Protein backbone atom coordinates (compact mmCIF):
# COMPACT_ATOMS: atom_id res chain seq x y z
CA UNK A 1 -37.54 -16.65 12.20
CA UNK A 2 -36.07 -19.50 10.22
CA UNK A 3 -38.29 -22.57 10.17
CA UNK A 4 -37.04 -26.11 9.64
CA UNK A 5 -38.01 -27.73 6.35
CA UNK A 6 -40.26 -30.26 8.12
CA UNK A 7 -42.26 -30.14 11.35
CA UNK A 8 -44.03 -32.94 13.25
CA UNK A 9 -47.56 -32.13 14.34
CA UNK A 10 -50.44 -33.79 16.10
CA UNK A 11 -53.93 -32.83 17.20
CA UNK A 12 -56.18 -34.25 19.90
CA UNK A 13 -59.16 -34.09 17.52
CA UNK A 14 -57.31 -36.67 15.38
CA UNK A 15 -55.65 -38.92 17.98
CA UNK A 16 -54.46 -41.56 15.49
CA UNK A 17 -53.00 -39.09 13.00
CA UNK A 18 -49.43 -37.88 12.78
CA UNK A 19 -48.89 -34.90 10.52
CA UNK A 20 -45.72 -33.75 8.79
CA UNK A 21 -45.71 -30.10 7.72
CA UNK A 22 -43.44 -29.10 4.82
CA UNK A 23 -42.70 -25.42 5.35
CA UNK A 24 -40.98 -24.61 2.04
CA UNK A 25 -42.51 -24.21 -1.41
CA UNK A 26 -44.57 -26.11 -2.25
CA UNK A 27 -45.98 -26.15 1.28
CA UNK A 28 -48.07 -29.14 2.28
CA UNK A 29 -49.25 -31.25 5.19
CA UNK A 30 -49.25 -35.03 4.99
CA UNK A 31 -51.26 -37.21 7.34
CA UNK A 32 -49.14 -40.32 7.86
CA UNK A 33 -52.16 -42.25 9.12
CA UNK A 34 -53.71 -42.37 5.64
CA UNK A 35 -51.08 -40.65 3.42
CA UNK A 36 -53.52 -37.84 2.58
CA UNK A 37 -51.75 -34.69 1.37
CA UNK A 38 -53.14 -31.19 1.71
CA UNK A 39 -51.34 -28.62 -0.45
CA UNK A 40 -51.18 -25.13 1.02
CA UNK A 41 -50.49 -23.43 -2.30
CA UNK A 42 -52.54 -22.47 -5.35
CA UNK A 43 -51.22 -24.09 -8.53
CA UNK A 44 -51.69 -23.32 -12.19
CA UNK A 45 -52.22 -26.22 -14.62
CA UNK A 46 -48.54 -26.07 -15.61
CA UNK A 47 -47.46 -25.97 -11.96
CA UNK A 48 -49.59 -29.05 -11.22
CA UNK A 49 -47.81 -31.04 -13.93
CA UNK A 50 -44.40 -30.01 -12.59
CA UNK A 51 -45.52 -30.71 -9.03
CA UNK A 52 -46.49 -34.30 -9.80
CA UNK A 53 -42.89 -34.97 -10.77
CA UNK A 54 -41.58 -33.49 -7.53
CA UNK A 55 -44.34 -34.64 -5.15
CA UNK A 56 -43.14 -38.22 -4.81
CA UNK A 57 -39.66 -37.19 -3.69
CA UNK A 58 -41.06 -34.57 -1.29
CA UNK A 59 -43.34 -37.14 0.33
CA UNK A 60 -40.47 -39.63 0.59
CA UNK A 61 -38.37 -36.92 2.26
CA UNK A 62 -41.20 -36.19 4.71
CA UNK A 63 -41.46 -39.88 5.60
CA UNK A 64 -37.68 -40.13 6.04
CA UNK A 65 -37.82 -37.09 8.34
CA UNK A 66 -40.49 -38.80 10.45
CA UNK A 67 -38.49 -42.04 10.64
CA UNK A 68 -35.40 -40.10 11.72
CA UNK A 69 -37.30 -38.18 14.38
CA UNK A 70 -38.93 -41.32 15.80
CA UNK A 71 -35.58 -43.13 15.93
CA UNK A 72 -34.20 -40.27 18.03
CA UNK A 73 -37.00 -40.73 20.59
CA UNK A 74 -36.16 -44.42 20.89
CA UNK A 75 -32.53 -43.75 21.87
């Protein structure tokens, strides 16, 4: 099965939260309610340094995905 790069998710235990799941490396979940990011990978010290450079653009892409999806519901 081929997964999309981003998925929208919600959970009734967290009714105010909207989650974006990034399914490619480095996998993560961002809670758009509070911008908390949970990484689903183990990183070495070197990987962490490289990740910090890439993380901002990945989170911006996740937010853009959410904005695009929401705009499609409003049509």
